[in-house]
C-alpha atoms as a PDB file:
ATOM      1  CA  MET A   1      -1.920 -14.690 -68.897  1.00  0.00           C
ATOM      2  CA  ALA A   2      -2.701 -14.348 -65.246  1.00  0.00           C
ATOM      3  CA  SER A   3      -2.082 -10.974 -63.690  1.00  0.00           C
ATOM      4  CA  PRO A   4       0.421 -10.900 -60.820  1.00  0.00           C
ATOM      5  CA  ALA A   5      -0.979 -10.973 -57.354  1.00  0.00           C
ATOM      6  CA  PRO A   6      -1.245  -7.490 -55.849  1.00  0.00           C
ATOM      7  CA  THR A   7       1.449  -6.559 -53.381  1.00  0.00           C
ATOM      8  CA  PRO A   8      -0.078  -6.274 -49.914  1.00  0.00           C
ATOM      9  CA  THR A   9      -0.135  -2.723 -48.630  1.00  0.00           C
ATOM     10  CA  PRO A  10       1.884  -2.403 -45.449  1.00  0.00           C
ATOM     11  CA  THR A  11      -0.198  -1.355 -42.495  1.00  0.00           C
ATOM     12  CA  THR A  12       0.994   1.174 -39.982  1.00  0.00           C
ATOM     13  CA  THR A  13       0.009   0.286 -36.445  1.00  0.00           C
ATOM     14  CA  TRP A  14      -0.859   3.000 -33.986  1.00  0.00           C
ATOM     15  CA  LEU A  15       1.353   1.492 -31.301  1.00  0.00           C
ATOM     16  CA  PRO A  16       4.650  -0.363 -31.656  1.00  0.00           C
ATOM     17  CA  ALA A  17       5.005  -3.981 -30.647  1.00  0.00           C
ATOM     18  CA  LYS A  18       5.236  -4.547 -26.885  1.00  0.00           C
ATOM     19  CA  SER A  19       4.151  -0.958 -26.166  1.00  0.00           C
ATOM     20  CA  TRP A  20       2.986  -2.136 -22.733  1.00  0.00           C
ATOM     21  CA  GLN A  21       6.635  -2.381 -21.696  1.00  0.00           C
ATOM     22  CA  HIS A  22       6.847   1.432 -21.531  1.00  0.00           C
ATOM     23  CA  PHE A  23       3.952   1.396 -19.053  1.00  0.00           C
ATOM     24  CA  LEU A  24       5.473  -1.330 -16.862  1.00  0.00           C
ATOM     25  CA  ALA A  25       9.030   0.007 -16.976  1.00  0.00           C
ATOM     26  CA  GLY A  26       7.978   3.553 -16.119  1.00  0.00           C
ATOM     27  CA  GLY A  27       5.890   2.431 -13.159  1.00  0.00           C
ATOM     28  CA  LEU A  28       8.603   0.258 -11.624  1.00  0.00           C
ATOM     29  CA  GLY A  29      11.273   2.886 -12.158  1.00  0.00           C
ATOM     30  CA  GLY A  30       9.157   5.611 -10.586  1.00  0.00           C
ATOM     31  CA  MET A  31       8.269   3.463  -7.573  1.00  0.00           C
ATOM     32  CA  CYS A  32      11.890   2.583  -6.760  1.00  0.00           C
ATOM     33  CA  GLY A  33      13.058   6.165  -7.165  1.00  0.00           C
ATOM     34  CA  ALA A  34      10.281   7.513  -4.917  1.00  0.00           C
ATOM     35  CA  VAL A  35      11.051   5.150  -2.032  1.00  0.00           C
ATOM     36  CA  VAL A  36      14.794   5.839  -2.082  1.00  0.00           C
ATOM     37  CA  THR A  37      14.456   9.637  -2.116  1.00  0.00           C
ATOM     38  CA  SER A  38      11.348  10.204   0.029  1.00  0.00           C
ATOM     39  CA  PRO A  39      13.113  12.122   2.885  1.00  0.00           C
ATOM     40  CA  PHE A  40      14.416  14.719   0.436  1.00  0.00           C
ATOM     41  CA  ASP A  41      10.906  15.114  -0.977  1.00  0.00           C
ATOM     42  CA  VAL A  42       9.518  15.952   2.471  1.00  0.00           C
ATOM     43  CA  VAL A  43      12.256  18.545   3.101  1.00  0.00           C
ATOM     44  CA  LYS A  44      11.786  20.073  -0.348  1.00  0.00           C
ATOM     45  CA  THR A  45       8.036  20.497   0.123  1.00  0.00           C
ATOM     46  CA  ARG A  46       8.461  22.163   3.502  1.00  0.00           C
ATOM     47  CA  LEU A  47      11.126  24.562   2.278  1.00  0.00           C
ATOM     48  CA  GLN A  48       8.904  25.526  -0.649  1.00  0.00           C
ATOM     49  CA  SER A  49       6.049  26.417   1.710  1.00  0.00           C
ATOM     50  CA  ASP A  50       5.811  29.677   3.640  1.00  0.00           C
ATOM     51  CA  LEU A  51       4.211  27.705   6.493  1.00  0.00           C
ATOM     52  CA  PHE A  52       7.728  26.523   7.415  1.00  0.00           C
ATOM     53  CA  ARG A  53       9.668  29.614   6.382  1.00  0.00           C
ATOM     54  CA  GLN A  54      10.279  30.850   9.928  1.00  0.00           C
ATOM     55  CA  LYS A  55      10.927  27.414  11.366  1.00  0.00           C
ATOM     56  CA  HIS A  56      13.650  26.656   8.828  1.00  0.00           C
ATOM     57  CA  ALA A  57      14.975  30.189   8.428  1.00  0.00           C
ATOM     58  CA  ASP A  58      17.565  29.147  10.975  1.00  0.00           C
ATOM     59  CA  VAL A  59      18.798  25.629  11.470  1.00  0.00           C
ATOM     60  CA  GLY A  60      17.573  24.623  14.873  1.00  0.00           C
ATOM     61  CA  ALA A  61      15.294  22.442  16.905  1.00  0.00           C
ATOM     62  CA  VAL A  62      12.824  22.579  19.742  1.00  0.00           C
ATOM     63  CA  MET A  63      14.396  21.189  22.911  1.00  0.00           C
ATOM     64  CA  GLY A  64      11.896  20.888  25.690  1.00  0.00           C
ATOM     65  CA  ASP A  65      10.108  24.222  25.979  1.00  0.00           C
ATOM     66  CA  SER A  66      12.930  26.258  24.459  1.00  0.00           C
ATOM     67  CA  VAL A  67      14.026  26.852  20.887  1.00  0.00           C
ATOM     68  CA  VAL A  68      17.714  26.522  20.121  1.00  0.00           C
ATOM     69  CA  LEU A  69      18.740  28.266  16.889  1.00  0.00           C
ATOM     70  CA  VAL A  70      21.974  27.854  14.994  1.00  0.00           C
ATOM     71  CA  ARG A  71      22.484  30.725  12.570  1.00  0.00           C
ATOM     72  CA  ARG A  72      23.504  30.052   8.998  1.00  0.00           C
ATOM     73  CA  PRO A  73      27.235  30.616   8.733  1.00  0.00           C
ATOM     74  CA  GLY A  74      27.241  31.899   5.187  1.00  0.00           C
ATOM     75  CA  GLY A  75      24.231  30.954   3.163  1.00  0.00           C
ATOM     76  CA  GLY A  76      26.320  29.798   0.193  1.00  0.00           C
ATOM     77  CA  LEU A  77      25.356  27.030  -2.187  1.00  0.00           C
ATOM     78  CA  LEU A  78      27.254  24.342  -0.273  1.00  0.00           C
ATOM     79  CA  TRP A  79      25.624  25.396   2.988  1.00  0.00           C
ATOM     80  CA  HIS A  80      22.168  24.741   1.540  1.00  0.00           C
ATOM     81  CA  PHE A  81      23.054  21.079   1.132  1.00  0.00           C
ATOM     82  CA  VAL A  82      24.309  20.986   4.730  1.00  0.00           C
ATOM     83  CA  GLU A  83      21.086  22.671   5.811  1.00  0.00           C
ATOM     84  CA  THR A  84      19.066  19.944   4.108  1.00  0.00           C
ATOM     85  CA  ALA A  85      20.870  17.313   6.174  1.00  0.00           C
ATOM     86  CA  HIS A  86      20.179  19.306   9.348  1.00  0.00           C
ATOM     87  CA  ILE A  87      16.483  19.546   8.571  1.00  0.00           C
ATOM     88  CA  ILE A  88      16.272  15.809   7.929  1.00  0.00           C
ATOM     89  CA  ARG A  89      17.918  15.257  11.317  1.00  0.00           C
ATOM     90  CA  ASP A  90      15.494  17.651  13.040  1.00  0.00           C
ATOM     91  CA  ILE A  91      12.409  16.065  11.468  1.00  0.00           C
ATOM     92  CA  ALA A  92      13.564  12.586  12.478  1.00  0.00           C
ATOM     93  CA  ARG A  93      14.257  13.736  16.051  1.00  0.00           C
ATOM     94  CA  ASP A  94      11.205  15.927  16.626  1.00  0.00           C
ATOM     95  CA  GLU A  95       8.585  13.998  14.634  1.00  0.00           C
ATOM     96  CA  THR A  96      10.086  10.455  14.575  1.00  0.00           C
ATOM     97  CA  PRO A  97      11.936   8.944  11.587  1.00  0.00           C
ATOM     98  CA  ARG A  98       8.628   7.879  10.049  1.00  0.00           C
ATOM     99  CA  ALA A  99       7.875  11.528   9.409  1.00  0.00           C
ATOM    100  CA  LEU A 100      10.570  11.483   6.720  1.00  0.00           C
ATOM    101  CA  PHE A 101       8.213   9.278   4.741  1.00  0.00           C
ATOM    102  CA  LYS A 102       5.100  11.410   5.087  1.00  0.00           C
ATOM    103  CA  GLY A 103       3.134  11.368   1.898  1.00  0.00           C
ATOM    104  CA  LEU A 104       4.904   8.253   0.621  1.00  0.00           C
ATOM    105  CA  GLY A 105       1.582   6.408   0.414  1.00  0.00           C
ATOM    106  CA  PRO A 106      -0.011   8.845  -2.037  1.00  0.00           C
ATOM    107  CA  THR A 107       3.383   9.270  -3.692  1.00  0.00           C
ATOM    108  CA  LEU A 108       3.492   5.558  -4.506  1.00  0.00           C
ATOM    109  CA  VAL A 109      -0.172   5.590  -5.480  1.00  0.00           C
ATOM    110  CA  GLY A 110       0.568   8.547  -7.743  1.00  0.00           C
ATOM    111  CA  VAL A 111       4.072   7.926  -9.025  1.00  0.00           C
ATOM    112  CA  ILE A 112       3.343   4.489 -10.451  1.00  0.00           C
ATOM    113  CA  PRO A 113       0.471   5.625 -12.712  1.00  0.00           C
ATOM    114  CA  ALA A 114       2.186   8.995 -13.274  1.00  0.00           C
ATOM    115  CA  ARG A 115       5.422   7.470 -14.522  1.00  0.00           C
ATOM    116  CA  SER A 116       3.542   4.752 -16.357  1.00  0.00           C
ATOM    117  CA  ILE A 117       1.369   7.312 -18.146  1.00  0.00           C
ATOM    118  CA  ASN A 118       4.336   9.584 -18.817  1.00  0.00           C
ATOM    119  CA  PHE A 119       6.642   6.918 -20.225  1.00  0.00           C
ATOM    120  CA  PHE A 120       3.811   5.212 -22.107  1.00  0.00           C
ATOM    121  CA  THR A 121       2.615   8.466 -23.683  1.00  0.00           C
ATOM    122  CA  TYR A 122       6.107   9.668 -24.524  1.00  0.00           C
ATOM    123  CA  GLY A 123       7.509   6.341 -25.737  1.00  0.00           C
ATOM    124  CA  ASN A 124       4.529   5.555 -27.933  1.00  0.00           C
ATOM    125  CA  GLY A 125       3.751   9.191 -28.766  1.00  0.00           C
ATOM    126  CA  LYS A 126       7.051   9.474 -30.644  1.00  0.00           C
ATOM    127  CA  HIS A 127       6.054   6.460 -32.730  1.00  0.00           C
ATOM    128  CA  ILE A 128       2.593   7.800 -33.525  1.00  0.00           C
ATOM    129  CA  ILE A 129       3.665  11.371 -34.335  1.00  0.00           C
ATOM    130  CA  ALA A 130       6.596  10.226 -36.450  1.00  0.00           C
ATOM    131  CA  ASN A 131       4.476   7.777 -38.439  1.00  0.00           C
ATOM    132  CA  ARG A 132       1.635  10.202 -39.009  1.00  0.00           C
ATOM    133  CA  PHE A 133       3.535  13.390 -39.709  1.00  0.00           C
ATOM    134  CA  ASN A 134       7.151  12.600 -40.633  1.00  0.00           C
ATOM    135  CA  ASP A 135       7.250   9.311 -42.559  1.00  0.00           C
ATOM    136  CA  GLY A 136       8.319   7.369 -39.508  1.00  0.00           C
ATOM    137  CA  GLN A 137      11.433   9.469 -38.853  1.00  0.00           C
ATOM    138  CA  GLU A 138      11.985  10.899 -35.373  1.00  0.00           C
ATOM    139  CA  ASN A 139      13.592  14.289 -34.845  1.00  0.00           C
ATOM    140  CA  SER A 140      13.923  16.936 -32.133  1.00  0.00           C
ATOM    141  CA  TYR A 141      10.465  18.388 -32.759  1.00  0.00           C
ATOM    142  CA  ILE A 142       8.822  14.994 -32.425  1.00  0.00           C
ATOM    143  CA  HIS A 143      10.635  14.363 -29.136  1.00  0.00           C
ATOM    144  CA  LEU A 144       9.519  17.770 -27.830  1.00  0.00           C
ATOM    145  CA  CYS A 145       5.884  17.279 -28.902  1.00  0.00           C
ATOM    146  CA  ALA A 146       5.709  13.801 -27.390  1.00  0.00           C
ATOM    147  CA  ALA A 147       7.239  15.017 -24.117  1.00  0.00           C
ATOM    148  CA  ALA A 148       4.832  17.957 -23.885  1.00  0.00           C
ATOM    149  CA  ILE A 149       1.795  15.785 -24.528  1.00  0.00           C
ATOM    150  CA  ALA A 150       3.037  13.266 -21.964  1.00  0.00           C
ATOM    151  CA  GLY A 151       3.474  16.024 -19.383  1.00  0.00           C
ATOM    152  CA  VAL A 152      -0.019  17.443 -19.856  1.00  0.00           C
ATOM    153  CA  ALA A 153      -1.639  13.996 -19.740  1.00  0.00           C
ATOM    154  CA  THR A 154       0.270  12.997 -16.616  1.00  0.00           C
ATOM    155  CA  GLY A 155      -0.374  16.258 -14.765  1.00  0.00           C
ATOM    156  CA  THR A 156      -4.098  16.219 -15.480  1.00  0.00           C
ATOM    157  CA  ALA A 157      -4.563  12.598 -14.464  1.00  0.00           C
ATOM    158  CA  THR A 158      -2.572  12.653 -11.220  1.00  0.00           C
ATOM    159  CA  ASN A 159      -2.954  16.188  -9.799  1.00  0.00           C
ATOM    160  CA  PRO A 160      -5.424  15.164  -7.037  1.00  0.00           C
ATOM    161  CA  ILE A 161      -2.913  12.635  -5.707  1.00  0.00           C
ATOM    162  CA  TRP A 162      -0.142  15.243  -5.469  1.00  0.00           C
ATOM    163  CA  VAL A 163      -2.430  17.663  -3.638  1.00  0.00           C
ATOM    164  CA  VAL A 164      -3.044  15.030  -0.956  1.00  0.00           C
ATOM    165  CA  LYS A 165       0.680  14.221  -0.789  1.00  0.00           C
ATOM    166  CA  THR A 166       1.631  17.877  -0.345  1.00  0.00           C
ATOM    167  CA  ARG A 167      -0.920  18.395   2.423  1.00  0.00           C
ATOM    168  CA  LEU A 168       0.366  15.343   4.313  1.00  0.00           C
ATOM    169  CA  GLN A 169       3.980  16.471   4.021  1.00  0.00           C
ATOM    170  CA  LEU A 170       3.080  19.864   5.496  1.00  0.00           C
ATOM    171  CA  LEU A 171       1.602  18.275   8.620  1.00  0.00           C
ATOM    172  CA  THR A 172       3.445  18.429  11.929  1.00  0.00           C
ATOM    173  CA  SER A 173       2.437  17.504  15.447  1.00  0.00           C
ATOM    174  CA  ASN A 174       1.440  21.152  15.925  1.00  0.00           C
ATOM    175  CA  ASN A 175      -0.895  21.523  12.973  1.00  0.00           C
ATOM    176  CA  LEU A 176      -2.489  18.102  12.635  1.00  0.00           C
ATOM    177  CA  PRO A 177      -6.206  18.187  11.891  1.00  0.00           C
ATOM    178  CA  THR A 178      -8.225  15.971  14.180  1.00  0.00           C
ATOM    179  CA  THR A 179      -9.017  13.614  11.305  1.00  0.00           C
ATOM    180  CA  THR A 180      -5.365  12.641  10.865  1.00  0.00           C
ATOM    181  CA  ALA A 181      -4.072  12.823  14.421  1.00  0.00           C
ATOM    182  CA  THR A 182      -4.174   9.072  14.914  1.00  0.00           C
ATOM    183  CA  SER A 183      -1.669   8.275  12.167  1.00  0.00           C
ATOM    184  CA  PRO A 184      -0.023  11.396  10.839  1.00  0.00           C
ATOM    185  CA  ALA A 185       3.050   9.726   9.417  1.00  0.00           C
ATOM    186  CA  SER A 186       1.613   6.429   8.251  1.00  0.00           C
ATOM    187  CA  PHE A 187       1.968   5.664   4.587  1.00  0.00           C
ATOM    188  CA  PHE A 188      -1.746   5.387   3.851  1.00  0.00           C
ATOM    189  CA  GLY A 189      -3.460   6.060   7.193  1.00  0.00           C
ATOM    190  CA  GLY A 190      -3.724   9.807   6.745  1.00  0.00           C
ATOM    191  CA  SER A 191      -4.671   9.805   3.085  1.00  0.00           C
ATOM    192  CA  ILE A 192      -8.370   8.982   3.381  1.00  0.00           C
ATOM    193  CA  PRO A 193      -9.054  11.545   6.152  1.00  0.00           C
ATOM    194  CA  MET A 194      -7.130  14.151   4.161  1.00  0.00           C
ATOM    195  CA  ILE A 195      -9.168  13.404   1.033  1.00  0.00           C
ATOM    196  CA  ARG A 196     -12.355  13.835   3.056  1.00  0.00           C
ATOM    197  CA  GLN A 197     -11.121  17.085   4.564  1.00  0.00           C
ATOM    198  CA  ILE A 198     -10.219  18.577   1.181  1.00  0.00           C
ATOM    199  CA  ALA A 199     -13.547  17.512  -0.320  1.00  0.00           C
ATOM    200  CA  ARG A 200     -15.487  18.920   2.640  1.00  0.00           C
ATOM    201  CA  GLU A 201     -13.679  22.262   2.896  1.00  0.00           C
ATOM    202  CA  GLU A 202     -12.776  23.002  -0.722  1.00  0.00           C
ATOM    203  CA  GLY A 203     -14.850  20.728  -2.913  1.00  0.00           C
ATOM    204  CA  ILE A 204     -13.682  18.947  -6.051  1.00  0.00           C
ATOM    205  CA  ARG A 205     -11.758  22.041  -7.189  1.00  0.00           C
ATOM    206  CA  GLY A 206      -9.484  21.642  -4.180  1.00  0.00           C
ATOM    207  CA  PHE A 207      -7.988  18.524  -5.737  1.00  0.00           C
ATOM    208  CA  TYR A 208      -6.870  20.478  -8.785  1.00  0.00           C
ATOM    209  CA  LYS A 209      -4.968  23.230  -7.007  1.00  0.00           C
ATOM    210  CA  GLY A 210      -1.600  23.834  -8.612  1.00  0.00           C
ATOM    211  CA  LEU A 211      -2.651  22.337 -11.959  1.00  0.00           C
ATOM    212  CA  SER A 212      -1.764  25.549 -13.801  1.00  0.00           C
ATOM    213  CA  ALA A 213       1.745  25.418 -12.323  1.00  0.00           C
ATOM    214  CA  SER A 214       1.963  21.747 -13.296  1.00  0.00           C
ATOM    215  CA  TYR A 215       1.207  22.678 -16.886  1.00  0.00           C
ATOM    216  CA  LEU A 216       3.910  25.322 -16.650  1.00  0.00           C
ATOM    217  CA  GLY A 217       6.225  22.580 -15.407  1.00  0.00           C
ATOM    218  CA  VAL A 218       5.655  20.558 -18.574  1.00  0.00           C
ATOM    219  CA  THR A 219       8.698  22.419 -19.874  1.00  0.00           C
ATOM    220  CA  GLU A 220      10.850  20.597 -17.294  1.00  0.00           C
ATOM    221  CA  GLY A 221       9.847  17.179 -18.546  1.00  0.00           C
ATOM    222  CA  THR A 222      10.263  18.308 -22.139  1.00  0.00           C
ATOM    223  CA  ILE A 223      13.798  19.570 -21.516  1.00  0.00           C
ATOM    224  CA  GLN A 224      14.649  16.457 -19.528  1.00  0.00           C
ATOM    225  CA  TRP A 225      13.462  14.046 -22.213  1.00  0.00           C
ATOM    226  CA  ARG A 226      15.266  15.980 -24.941  1.00  0.00           C
ATOM    227  CA  LEU A 227      18.576  16.111 -23.064  1.00  0.00           C
ATOM    228  CA  ALA A 228      18.376  12.464 -22.046  1.00  0.00           C
ATOM    229  CA  ALA A 229      17.599  11.427 -25.621  1.00  0.00           C
ATOM    230  CA  SER A 230      20.592  13.343 -26.980  1.00  0.00           C
ATOM    231  CA  THR A 231      23.128  12.168 -24.362  1.00  0.00           C
ATOM    232  CA  ASN A 232      22.518   8.439 -24.133  1.00  0.00           C
ATOM    233  CA  GLY A 233      25.496   6.345 -23.111  1.00  0.00           C
ATOM    234  CA  GLN A 234      27.723   5.071 -25.878  1.00  0.00           C
ATOM    235  CA  GLY A 235      29.687   1.861 -26.080  1.00  0.00           C
ATOM    236  CA  GLY A 236      28.624  -1.281 -24.320  1.00  0.00           C
ATOM    237  CA  GLY A 237      28.352  -2.980 -20.961  1.00  0.00           C
ATOM    238  CA  LEU A 238      29.362  -0.973 -17.909  1.00  0.00           C
ATOM    239  CA  GLN A 239      30.405   2.036 -19.996  1.00  0.00           C
ATOM    240  CA  GLU A 240      26.989   2.256 -21.613  1.00  0.00           C
ATOM    241  CA  TRP A 241      25.120   1.972 -18.307  1.00  0.00           C
ATOM    242  CA  ALA A 242      27.366   4.560 -16.679  1.00  0.00           C
ATOM    243  CA  GLY A 243      26.718   6.898 -19.582  1.00  0.00           C
ATOM    244  CA  MET A 244      22.979   6.319 -19.332  1.00  0.00           C
ATOM    245  CA  LEU A 245      22.930   7.004 -15.578  1.00  0.00           C
ATOM    246  CA  GLY A 246      25.027  10.119 -16.036  1.00  0.00           C
ATOM    247  CA  SER A 247      22.929  11.462 -18.882  1.00  0.00           C
ATOM    248  CA  ALA A 248      19.669  10.853 -16.989  1.00  0.00           C
ATOM    249  CA  GLY A 249      20.960  12.605 -13.861  1.00  0.00           C
ATOM    250  CA  THR A 250      22.465  15.490 -15.832  1.00  0.00           C
ATOM    251  CA  ALA A 251      19.302  15.986 -17.873  1.00  0.00           C
ATOM    252  CA  LYS A 252      17.161  16.127 -14.748  1.00  0.00           C
ATOM    253  CA  CYS A 253      19.555  18.503 -12.991  1.00  0.00           C
ATOM    254  CA  VAL A 254      19.641  20.964 -15.906  1.00  0.00           C
ATOM    255  CA  ALA A 255      15.873  20.803 -16.434  1.00  0.00           C
ATOM    256  CA  SER A 256      15.238  21.372 -12.710  1.00  0.00           C
ATOM    257  CA  LEU A 257      17.553  24.394 -12.523  1.00  0.00           C
ATOM    258  CA  ILE A 258      15.828  26.019 -15.501  1.00  0.00           C
ATOM    259  CA  THR A 259      12.233  25.442 -14.422  1.00  0.00           C
ATOM    260  CA  TYR A 260      12.374  25.151 -10.602  1.00  0.00           C
ATOM    261  CA  PRO A 261      10.229  28.210  -9.661  1.00  0.00           C
ATOM    262  CA  HIS A 262       7.101  26.452 -10.905  1.00  0.00           C
ATOM    263  CA  GLU A 263       7.616  23.868  -8.142  1.00  0.00           C
ATOM    264  CA  VAL A 264       7.476  26.551  -5.448  1.00  0.00           C
ATOM    265  CA  LEU A 265       4.382  28.148  -6.998  1.00  0.00           C
ATOM    266  CA  ARG A 266       2.684  24.768  -7.235  1.00  0.00           C
ATOM    267  CA  THR A 267       3.367  23.959  -3.569  1.00  0.00           C
ATOM    268  CA  ARG A 268       2.024  27.354  -2.468  1.00  0.00           C
ATOM    269  CA  LEU A 269      -1.158  26.825  -4.477  1.00  0.00           C
ATOM    270  CA  ARG A 270      -1.640  23.420  -2.851  1.00  0.00           C
ATOM    271  CA  GLN A 271      -1.216  24.634   0.719  1.00  0.00           C
ATOM    272  CA  PRO A 272      -4.134  24.143   3.106  1.00  0.00           C
ATOM    273  CA  LEU A 273      -6.411  26.970   4.132  1.00  0.00           C
ATOM    274  CA  VAL A 274      -5.098  29.028   7.045  1.00  0.00           C
ATOM    275  CA  ASN A 275      -7.861  30.145   9.434  1.00  0.00           C
ATOM    276  CA  GLY A 276     -10.330  29.362   6.688  1.00  0.00           C
ATOM    277  CA  GLN A 277      -8.614  31.774   4.292  1.00  0.00           C
ATOM    278  CA  LYS A 278      -6.950  30.976   0.976  1.00  0.00           C
ATOM    279  CA  LYS A 279      -3.780  33.028   0.601  1.00  0.00           C
ATOM    280  CA  TYR A 280      -2.746  31.894  -2.867  1.00  0.00           C
ATOM    281  CA  THR A 281      -5.481  31.965  -5.490  1.00  0.00           C
ATOM    282  CA  GLY A 282      -3.833  31.797  -8.902  1.00  0.00           C
ATOM    283  CA  LEU A 283      -0.542  31.355 -10.692  1.00  0.00           C
ATOM    284  CA  ILE A 284       0.188  35.021 -11.429  1.00  0.00           C
ATOM    285  CA  GLN A 285      -1.166  36.207  -8.068  1.00  0.00           C
ATOM    286  CA  THR A 286       1.051  33.671  -6.278  1.00  0.00           C
ATOM    287  CA  LEU A 287       4.132  34.711  -8.235  1.00  0.00           C
ATOM    288  CA  ARG A 288       3.597  38.402  -7.451  1.00  0.00           C
ATOM    289  CA  LEU A 289       2.817  37.779  -3.778  1.00  0.00           C
ATOM    290  CA  VAL A 290       5.833  35.517  -3.185  1.00  0.00           C
ATOM    291  CA  ILE A 291       8.211  38.040  -4.774  1.00  0.00           C
ATOM    292  CA  ALA A 292       6.627  40.979  -2.922  1.00  0.00           C
ATOM    293  CA  GLU A 293       6.711  39.315   0.506  1.00  0.00           C
ATOM    294  CA  GLU A 294       9.851  37.188   0.322  1.00  0.00           C
ATOM    295  CA  GLY A 295      11.888  38.281  -2.675  1.00  0.00           C
ATOM    296  CA  ALA A 296      12.780  36.461  -5.880  1.00  0.00           C
ATOM    297  CA  ARG A 297      15.232  34.151  -4.065  1.00  0.00           C
ATOM    298  CA  SER A 298      12.317  32.408  -2.370  1.00  0.00           C
ATOM    299  CA  LEU A 299      11.329  31.009  -5.785  1.00  0.00           C
ATOM    300  CA  TYR A 300      14.300  28.676  -5.323  1.00  0.00           C
ATOM    301  CA  GLY A 301      13.464  27.589  -1.772  1.00  0.00           C
ATOM    302  CA  GLY A 302      14.238  23.913  -1.256  1.00  0.00           C
ATOM    303  CA  LEU A 303      16.320  23.672  -4.437  1.00  0.00           C
ATOM    304  CA  SER A 304      19.177  21.812  -2.732  1.00  0.00           C
ATOM    305  CA  ALA A 305      16.820  19.177  -1.304  1.00  0.00           C
ATOM    306  CA  HIS A 306      15.112  18.983  -4.683  1.00  0.00           C
ATOM    307  CA  LEU A 307      18.384  18.290  -6.502  1.00  0.00           C
ATOM    308  CA  MET A 308      19.433  15.754  -3.861  1.00  0.00           C
ATOM    309  CA  ARG A 309      16.156  13.976  -4.568  1.00  0.00           C
ATOM    310  CA  VAL A 310      15.564  14.240  -8.307  1.00  0.00           C
ATOM    311  CA  VAL A 311      19.059  13.557  -9.628  1.00  0.00           C
ATOM    312  CA  PRO A 312      19.454  10.081  -8.036  1.00  0.00           C
ATOM    313  CA  ASN A 313      15.721   9.531  -8.582  1.00  0.00           C
ATOM    314  CA  ALA A 314      16.121  10.147 -12.311  1.00  0.00           C
ATOM    315  CA  ALA A 315      19.191   7.926 -12.490  1.00  0.00           C
ATOM    316  CA  VAL A 316      17.392   5.041 -10.751  1.00  0.00           C
ATOM    317  CA  MET A 317      14.186   5.536 -12.735  1.00  0.00           C
ATOM    318  CA  TYR A 318      15.772   5.728 -16.169  1.00  0.00           C
ATOM    319  CA  SER A 319      18.144   2.815 -15.532  1.00  0.00           C
ATOM    320  CA  ILE A 320      15.226   0.573 -14.546  1.00  0.00           C
ATOM    321  CA  TYR A 321      13.167   1.875 -17.483  1.00  0.00           C
ATOM    322  CA  GLU A 322      15.918   1.202 -20.021  1.00  0.00           C
ATOM    323  CA  GLY A 323      16.807  -2.120 -18.405  1.00  0.00           C
ATOM    324  CA  ILE A 324      13.259  -3.453 -18.677  1.00  0.00           C
ATOM    325  CA  LEU A 325      12.906  -2.262 -22.288  1.00  0.00           C
ATOM    326  CA  ARG A 326      16.178  -3.945 -23.263  1.00  0.00           C
ATOM    327  CA  TRP A 327      15.242  -7.095 -21.402  1.00  0.00           C
ATOM    328  CA  GLY A 328      11.903  -7.156 -23.225  1.00  0.00           C
ATOM    329  CA  SER A 329      13.467  -6.540 -26.637  1.00  0.00           C
ATOM    330  CA  ASN A 330      15.717  -9.585 -26.218  1.00  0.00           C
ATOM    331  CA  ARG A 331      12.872 -11.955 -25.443  1.00  0.00           C
END
C-alpha cells in the first residue's frame, strides 16, 4: 500500500506580496505633502533657531532703512497662528515669494526616500516581526517595534539631507555665504555649494548634526503610527476616507505636541557656525543652554507653524499612501 504523499510545509516569506507598494506609496505621499506645506516648514525652522529670535520676537518688517515693529497684542495660542501668517507675508515681501520654498530641493530629495524607507520598513516590519515572534498576529507591541525601527533607519539614512535643508532655510539676504549668493532661494541651486561648505568647514561629521535629537524624535513617529493604526476610518466610501484623513491628522497633531522639543534641539544642533564657533555641541548641552538663555517656552518655538504644516501634510501623505495600497490590492 502506497504511503500518502507528504503534505508540503508552508513557507513563510520575509516580505508580503507587493511589498514594493509601501515604498512607492510612501514616497509619493511624502512628496505631495512637502510641496503643499513648504512655506510653513521655512517659518518653523526659523522660529526654532536663535538666529532669528530677535527678528521674529516682534512681528515687523524692514522698510527701507528703518525697522517697523508691531508688538504682539497678547501672545496667546491663537495669536501664534496669526504671527505665522505675518512671518510668511514678511518673508515673501522682503526675500521674494521664492524664499518660502527655500530648502524644498533637498526636502524633495530627502522626503521621497525618507517616507519610502519609513513606510517600507514599518509596513513590512510588522509582517516580519509578527511572523517571527508572534505566530503572524499583530498587536500593539509589534506596531511600536516596527515604528521605532522605521524611525531609526529613516533618520540615519537621511540626516545629511536634512542638515543641508535646515542650513538653506536659515539663509537670508544678509547672511548668505558667497557660495550661494547667486541662487539663494532656488530649489537645487544652493544645495551643492552648501554641501561643499559643510564638508569644507565641518567635515563628514557636520552632515550628522542633530542625529541624536532625531533618534529622540523616533518617539513621535512611534506615537503617530500607533494612533493612526488604532483610529482608522470605519464604514465605506466618503465616510471611510474622512475618518482616515481625520485620524492621520489627529495622530500627527498629538504626537507633535508630545515630542515637539526635540525638533527645536535638532534645529539648534544643525545651525551653521557663527564666527567660526559652534554654540551647540550636544543634545544635553543644547537643552540646558536653551533653557538657561531663553526659558523652557523656547522649546516650543515655531509650534504653530509646525502644526499648520504637519497636520495637513500627514492627512495628504496618509491618504495617498492608503489610496495606492488599496488600488494595488484590487489589481
